[in-house]
Amino acid sequence: MSAGGQVHGDGMSEDGGPVMRRGRRLAVDVGDARIGVASCDPDGILATPVETVPGRDVPAAHRRLRQLVEEYEPIEVVVGLPRSLKGGEGPAAAKVRVFARELARMIAPIGVRLVDERMTTVTASQGLRASGVKSKKGRSVIDQAAAVIILQQALESERVSGRPPGEGVEVVI
């Protein structure tokens, strides 16, 4: 926001630049075995790893994520949506959509947004390997690192456009 500038409903400041909403966010990288979680500061500048939640017991994973939402008090939760390199959606994306809908129901009125997560796990793996993290130990942090990348990309998208990233998940009661 510009110094002393007003924010208009279109996500732009009075000087025409995009405006980023203030508030902490959580990001979630949903996998079959593990779910990586990351958070950012209230200004949306720095994304950091939070924890890896076991993913095989989905109800337990949702409960833990609800606890993290209560603890971190985010303005929204960003969930990585796995797409193919061509942008299509397969069975993994369908599973994530179901997971995100249930999460949105459990944490309402906090919003849940789906954002494209193409290549985040690959990027996280390469970064960890380059920093000397062994693959066996890396599995426990790779999902957190992927969640950090998902959140950084979502924050950058909003910073550039002035609009919330990705697509909102509707709450079905």
C-alpha atoms as a PDB file:
ATOM      1  CA  MET A   1       0.000   0.000   0.000  1.00  0.00           C
ATOM      2  CA  SER A   2       1.252   3.474  -0.738  1.00  0.00           C
ATOM      3  CA  ALA A   3       2.131   5.717   2.175  1.00  0.00           C
ATOM      4  CA  GLY A   4      -1.214   6.932   3.427  1.00  0.00           C
ATOM      5  CA  GLY A   5      -2.906   5.477   0.321  1.00  0.00           C
ATOM      6  CA  GLN A   6      -6.338   3.976   0.294  1.00  0.00           C
ATOM      7  CA  VAL A   7      -7.029   0.455  -0.871  1.00  0.00           C
ATOM      8  CA  HIS A   8      -9.796  -0.030  -3.407  1.00  0.00           C
ATOM      9  CA  GLY A   9     -11.941  -3.174  -3.726  1.00  0.00           C
ATOM     10  CA  ASP A  10     -10.029  -4.299  -6.809  1.00  0.00           C
ATOM     11  CA  GLY A  11      -6.826  -5.046  -4.855  1.00  0.00           C
ATOM     12  CA  MET A  12      -5.116  -1.887  -6.105  1.00  0.00           C
ATOM     13  CA  SER A  13      -3.929   1.113  -4.132  1.00  0.00           C
ATOM     14  CA  GLU A  14      -4.939   4.646  -5.066  1.00  0.00           C
ATOM     15  CA  ASP A  15      -1.610   5.035  -6.870  1.00  0.00           C
ATOM     16  CA  GLY A  16      -2.498   2.041  -9.083  1.00  0.00           C
ATOM     17  CA  GLY A  17      -0.063  -0.482  -7.581  1.00  0.00           C
ATOM     18  CA  PRO A  18      -1.165  -3.914  -6.364  1.00  0.00           C
ATOM     19  CA  VAL A  19      -1.871  -4.283  -2.648  1.00  0.00           C
ATOM     20  CA  MET A  20      -1.112  -7.388  -0.648  1.00  0.00           C
ATOM     21  CA  ARG A  21      -3.513  -8.390   2.126  1.00  0.00           C
ATOM     22  CA  ARG A  22      -1.880  -8.351   5.524  1.00  0.00           C
ATOM     23  CA  GLY A  23      -1.973 -11.561   7.541  1.00  0.00           C
ATOM     24  CA  ARG A  24      -0.261 -14.853   8.178  1.00  0.00           C
ATOM     25  CA  ARG A  25      -0.992 -17.724   5.814  1.00  0.00           C
ATOM     26  CA  LEU A  26      -0.429 -21.471   6.047  1.00  0.00           C
ATOM     27  CA  ALA A  27       0.479 -23.627   3.061  1.00  0.00           C
ATOM     28  CA  VAL A  28      -0.100 -27.352   2.788  1.00  0.00           C
ATOM     29  CA  ASP A  29       1.607 -29.843   0.465  1.00  0.00           C
ATOM     30  CA  VAL A  30      -0.642 -32.914   0.502  1.00  0.00           C
ATOM     31  CA  GLY A  31       0.996 -36.274  -0.157  1.00  0.00           C
ATOM     32  CA  ASP A  32      -0.170 -39.839   0.398  1.00  0.00           C
ATOM     33  CA  ALA A  33       2.272 -40.520   3.232  1.00  0.00           C
ATOM     34  CA  ARG A  34       3.098 -37.020   4.514  1.00  0.00           C
ATOM     35  CA  ILE A  35       1.678 -33.496   4.486  1.00  0.00           C
ATOM     36  CA  GLY A  36       4.127 -30.626   4.583  1.00  0.00           C
ATOM     37  CA  VAL A  37       3.068 -27.412   6.311  1.00  0.00           C
ATOM     38  CA  ALA A  38       4.627 -23.941   6.039  1.00  0.00           C
ATOM     39  CA  SER A  39       3.667 -20.503   7.334  1.00  0.00           C
ATOM     40  CA  CYS A  40       4.609 -16.915   6.624  1.00  0.00           C
ATOM     41  CA  ASP A  41       4.938 -13.751   8.638  1.00  0.00           C
ATOM     42  CA  PRO A  42       1.967 -11.325   8.776  1.00  0.00           C
ATOM     43  CA  ASP A  43       3.519  -9.174   6.031  1.00  0.00           C
ATOM     44  CA  GLY A  44       3.793 -12.155   3.671  1.00  0.00           C
ATOM     45  CA  ILE A  45       7.522 -11.697   3.166  1.00  0.00           C
ATOM     46  CA  LEU A  46       9.083 -14.905   4.441  1.00  0.00           C
ATOM     47  CA  ALA A  47       7.709 -18.456   4.235  1.00  0.00           C
ATOM     48  CA  THR A  48       9.133 -20.961   6.726  1.00  0.00           C
ATOM     49  CA  PRO A  49       8.611 -24.686   7.362  1.00  0.00           C
ATOM     50  CA  VAL A  50       6.293 -25.647  10.239  1.00  0.00           C
ATOM     51  CA  GLU A  51       6.059 -29.429  10.397  1.00  0.00           C
ATOM     52  CA  THR A  52       5.326 -32.637   8.534  1.00  0.00           C
ATOM     53  CA  VAL A  53       1.958 -34.176   9.395  1.00  0.00           C
ATOM     54  CA  PRO A  54       1.497 -37.930   8.821  1.00  0.00           C
ATOM     55  CA  GLY A  55      -0.902 -38.242   5.881  1.00  0.00           C
ATOM     56  CA  ARG A  56      -2.113 -41.835   5.820  1.00  0.00           C
ATOM     57  CA  ASP A  57      -4.749 -41.254   8.545  1.00  0.00           C
ATOM     58  CA  VAL A  58      -6.679 -38.459   6.802  1.00  0.00           C
ATOM     59  CA  PRO A  59      -9.078 -37.635   9.689  1.00  0.00           C
ATOM     60  CA  ALA A  60      -6.087 -37.336  12.071  1.00  0.00           C
ATOM     61  CA  ALA A  61      -4.270 -35.161   9.518  1.00  0.00           C
ATOM     62  CA  HIS A  62      -7.305 -32.860   9.232  1.00  0.00           C
ATOM     63  CA  ARG A  63      -7.484 -32.616  13.048  1.00  0.00           C
ATOM     64  CA  ARG A  64      -3.787 -31.676  13.251  1.00  0.00           C
ATOM     65  CA  LEU A  65      -4.194 -29.076  10.498  1.00  0.00           C
ATOM     66  CA  ARG A  66      -7.185 -27.607  12.352  1.00  0.00           C
ATOM     67  CA  GLN A  67      -4.968 -27.343  15.474  1.00  0.00           C
ATOM     68  CA  LEU A  68      -2.295 -25.548  13.427  1.00  0.00           C
ATOM     69  CA  VAL A  69      -4.928 -23.139  12.075  1.00  0.00           C
ATOM     70  CA  GLU A  70      -6.037 -22.408  15.647  1.00  0.00           C
ATOM     71  CA  GLU A  71      -2.409 -21.881  16.709  1.00  0.00           C
ATOM     72  CA  TYR A  72      -1.224 -19.746  13.769  1.00  0.00           C
ATOM     73  CA  GLU A  73      -4.506 -17.872  13.145  1.00  0.00           C
ATOM     74  CA  PRO A  74      -3.957 -17.469   9.380  1.00  0.00           C
ATOM     75  CA  ILE A  75      -6.117 -15.357   7.083  1.00  0.00           C
ATOM     76  CA  GLU A  76      -6.195 -18.353   4.721  1.00  0.00           C
ATOM     77  CA  VAL A  77      -4.737 -21.783   4.018  1.00  0.00           C
ATOM     78  CA  VAL A  78      -3.136 -22.403   0.628  1.00  0.00           C
ATOM     79  CA  VAL A  79      -3.190 -26.008  -0.605  1.00  0.00           C
ATOM     80  CA  GLY A  80      -0.947 -27.152  -3.450  1.00  0.00           C
ATOM     81  CA  LEU A  81      -2.910 -28.637  -6.367  1.00  0.00           C
ATOM     82  CA  PRO A  82      -0.857 -31.178  -8.333  1.00  0.00           C
ATOM     83  CA  ARG A  83      -1.263 -30.656 -12.055  1.00  0.00           C
ATOM     84  CA  SER A  84       0.505 -32.277 -14.968  1.00  0.00           C
ATOM     85  CA  LEU A  85       3.125 -30.272 -16.831  1.00  0.00           C
ATOM     86  CA  LYS A  86       0.439 -29.505 -19.440  1.00  0.00           C
ATOM     87  CA  GLY A  87      -1.882 -28.195 -16.714  1.00  0.00           C
ATOM     88  CA  GLY A  88      -4.284 -31.133 -16.586  1.00  0.00           C
ATOM     89  CA  GLU A  89      -5.595 -32.773 -13.445  1.00  0.00           C
ATOM     90  CA  GLY A  90      -5.400 -36.473 -12.663  1.00  0.00           C
ATOM     91  CA  PRO A  91      -6.268 -38.717  -9.715  1.00  0.00           C
ATOM     92  CA  ALA A  92      -3.807 -36.944  -7.362  1.00  0.00           C
ATOM     93  CA  ALA A  93      -5.484 -33.579  -8.020  1.00  0.00           C
ATOM     94  CA  ALA A  94      -8.926 -35.111  -7.399  1.00  0.00           C
ATOM     95  CA  LYS A  95      -7.714 -36.451  -4.018  1.00  0.00           C
ATOM     96  CA  VAL A  96      -6.308 -33.031  -3.088  1.00  0.00           C
ATOM     97  CA  ARG A  97      -9.586 -31.319  -4.043  1.00  0.00           C
ATOM     98  CA  VAL A  98     -11.516 -33.675  -1.716  1.00  0.00           C
ATOM     99  CA  PHE A  99      -8.931 -33.126   1.046  1.00  0.00           C
ATOM    100  CA  ALA A 100      -9.139 -29.324   0.610  1.00  0.00           C
ATOM    101  CA  ARG A 101     -12.967 -29.313   0.661  1.00  0.00           C
ATOM    102  CA  GLU A 102     -13.016 -31.226   3.952  1.00  0.00           C
ATOM    103  CA  LEU A 103     -10.309 -28.955   5.409  1.00  0.00           C
ATOM    104  CA  ALA A 104     -12.299 -25.877   4.336  1.00  0.00           C
ATOM    105  CA  ARG A 105     -15.394 -27.266   6.071  1.00  0.00           C
ATOM    106  CA  MET A 106     -13.431 -27.915   9.277  1.00  0.00           C
ATOM    107  CA  ILE A 107     -11.714 -24.517   9.515  1.00  0.00           C
ATOM    108  CA  ALA A 108     -14.464 -22.207   8.202  1.00  0.00           C
ATOM    109  CA  PRO A 109     -14.653 -19.221   8.187  1.00  0.00           C
ATOM    110  CA  ILE A 110     -10.904 -19.336   7.367  1.00  0.00           C
ATOM    111  CA  GLY A 111     -10.651 -19.637   3.587  1.00  0.00           C
ATOM    112  CA  VAL A 112      -8.847 -22.390   1.692  1.00  0.00           C
ATOM    113  CA  ARG A 113      -7.323 -21.727  -1.743  1.00  0.00           C
ATOM    114  CA  LEU A 114      -5.945 -24.218  -4.257  1.00  0.00           C
ATOM    115  CA  VAL A 115      -2.781 -23.127  -6.062  1.00  0.00           C
ATOM    116  CA  ASP A 116      -0.796 -24.800  -8.834  1.00  0.00           C
ATOM    117  CA  GLU A 117       2.064 -26.755  -7.294  1.00  0.00           C
ATOM    118  CA  ARG A 118       3.750 -28.065 -10.427  1.00  0.00           C
ATOM    119  CA  MET A 119       7.429 -28.879  -9.852  1.00  0.00           C
ATOM    120  CA  THR A 120       7.491 -27.826  -6.161  1.00  0.00           C
ATOM    121  CA  THR A 121       8.530 -31.236  -4.824  1.00  0.00           C
ATOM    122  CA  VAL A 122      11.188 -31.554  -7.538  1.00  0.00           C
ATOM    123  CA  THR A 123      12.487 -28.058  -6.718  1.00  0.00           C
ATOM    124  CA  ALA A 124      12.460 -28.837  -2.987  1.00  0.00           C
ATOM    125  CA  SER A 125      14.328 -32.134  -3.548  1.00  0.00           C
ATOM    126  CA  GLN A 126      16.988 -30.448  -5.664  1.00  0.00           C
ATOM    127  CA  GLY A 127      17.444 -27.668  -3.105  1.00  0.00           C
ATOM    128  CA  LEU A 128      17.796 -30.092  -0.210  1.00  0.00           C
ATOM    129  CA  ARG A 129      20.220 -32.298  -2.153  1.00  0.00           C
ATOM    130  CA  ALA A 130      22.280 -29.246  -3.125  1.00  0.00           C
ATOM    131  CA  SER A 131      22.485 -28.234   0.542  1.00  0.00           C
ATOM    132  CA  GLY A 132      23.790 -31.681   1.511  1.00  0.00           C
ATOM    133  CA  VAL A 133      20.645 -33.213   3.016  1.00  0.00           C
ATOM    134  CA  LYS A 134      20.698 -36.987   2.537  1.00  0.00           C
ATOM    135  CA  SER A 135      17.702 -38.495   0.762  1.00  0.00           C
ATOM    136  CA  LYS A 136      16.706 -40.700   3.728  1.00  0.00           C
ATOM    137  CA  LYS A 137      16.669 -37.752   6.150  1.00  0.00           C
ATOM    138  CA  GLY A 138      15.336 -35.474   3.420  1.00  0.00           C
ATOM    139  CA  ARG A 139      12.034 -37.322   3.182  1.00  0.00           C
ATOM    140  CA  SER A 140      11.018 -35.951   6.577  1.00  0.00           C
ATOM    141  CA  VAL A 141      11.577 -32.344   5.470  1.00  0.00           C
ATOM    142  CA  ILE A 142      10.944 -32.441   1.722  1.00  0.00           C
ATOM    143  CA  ASP A 143       7.187 -31.951   2.138  1.00  0.00           C
ATOM    144  CA  GLN A 144       7.797 -28.949   4.409  1.00  0.00           C
ATOM    145  CA  ALA A 145      10.209 -27.520   1.832  1.00  0.00           C
ATOM    146  CA  ALA A 146       7.610 -28.057  -0.916  1.00  0.00           C
ATOM    147  CA  ALA A 147       5.002 -26.273   1.253  1.00  0.00           C
ATOM    148  CA  VAL A 148       7.433 -23.349   1.641  1.00  0.00           C
ATOM    149  CA  ILE A 149       7.791 -23.134  -2.155  1.00  0.00           C
ATOM    150  CA  ILE A 150       3.996 -23.340  -2.640  1.00  0.00           C
ATOM    151  CA  LEU A 151       3.535 -20.494  -0.146  1.00  0.00           C
ATOM    152  CA  GLN A 152       6.309 -18.362  -1.646  1.00  0.00           C
ATOM    153  CA  GLN A 153       4.754 -18.732  -5.105  1.00  0.00           C
ATOM    154  CA  ALA A 154       1.279 -17.867  -3.752  1.00  0.00           C
ATOM    155  CA  LEU A 155       2.635 -14.788  -1.939  1.00  0.00           C
ATOM    156  CA  GLU A 156       4.479 -13.618  -5.044  1.00  0.00           C
ATOM    157  CA  SER A 157       1.359 -14.090  -7.172  1.00  0.00           C
ATOM    158  CA  GLU A 158      -0.665 -11.905  -4.797  1.00  0.00           C
ATOM    159  CA  ARG A 159       2.130  -9.343  -4.495  1.00  0.00           C
ATOM    160  CA  VAL A 160       2.208  -8.927  -8.289  1.00  0.00           C
ATOM    161  CA  SER A 161      -1.536  -9.079  -9.004  1.00  0.00           C
ATOM    162  CA  GLY A 162      -3.104  -7.677  -5.837  1.00  0.00           C
ATOM    163  CA  ARG A 163      -5.506 -10.639  -5.901  1.00  0.00           C
ATOM    164  CA  PRO A 164      -5.657 -13.761  -3.705  1.00  0.00           C
ATOM    165  CA  PRO A 165      -3.774 -16.630  -5.395  1.00  0.00           C
ATOM    166  CA  GLY A 166      -5.321 -19.636  -7.082  1.00  0.00           C
ATOM    167  CA  GLU A 167      -8.962 -20.621  -6.701  1.00  0.00           C
ATOM    168  CA  GLY A 168     -11.134 -20.556  -3.597  1.00  0.00           C
ATOM    169  CA  VAL A 169     -12.549 -23.780  -2.179  1.00  0.00           C
ATOM    170  CA  GLU A 170     -16.285 -23.596  -1.531  1.00  0.00           C
ATOM    171  CA  VAL A 171     -17.472 -24.854   1.836  1.00  0.00           C
ATOM    172  CA  VAL A 172     -20.194 -27.465   1.519  1.00  0.00           C
ATOM    173  CA  ILE A 173     -22.044 -28.094   4.770  1.00  0.00           C
END
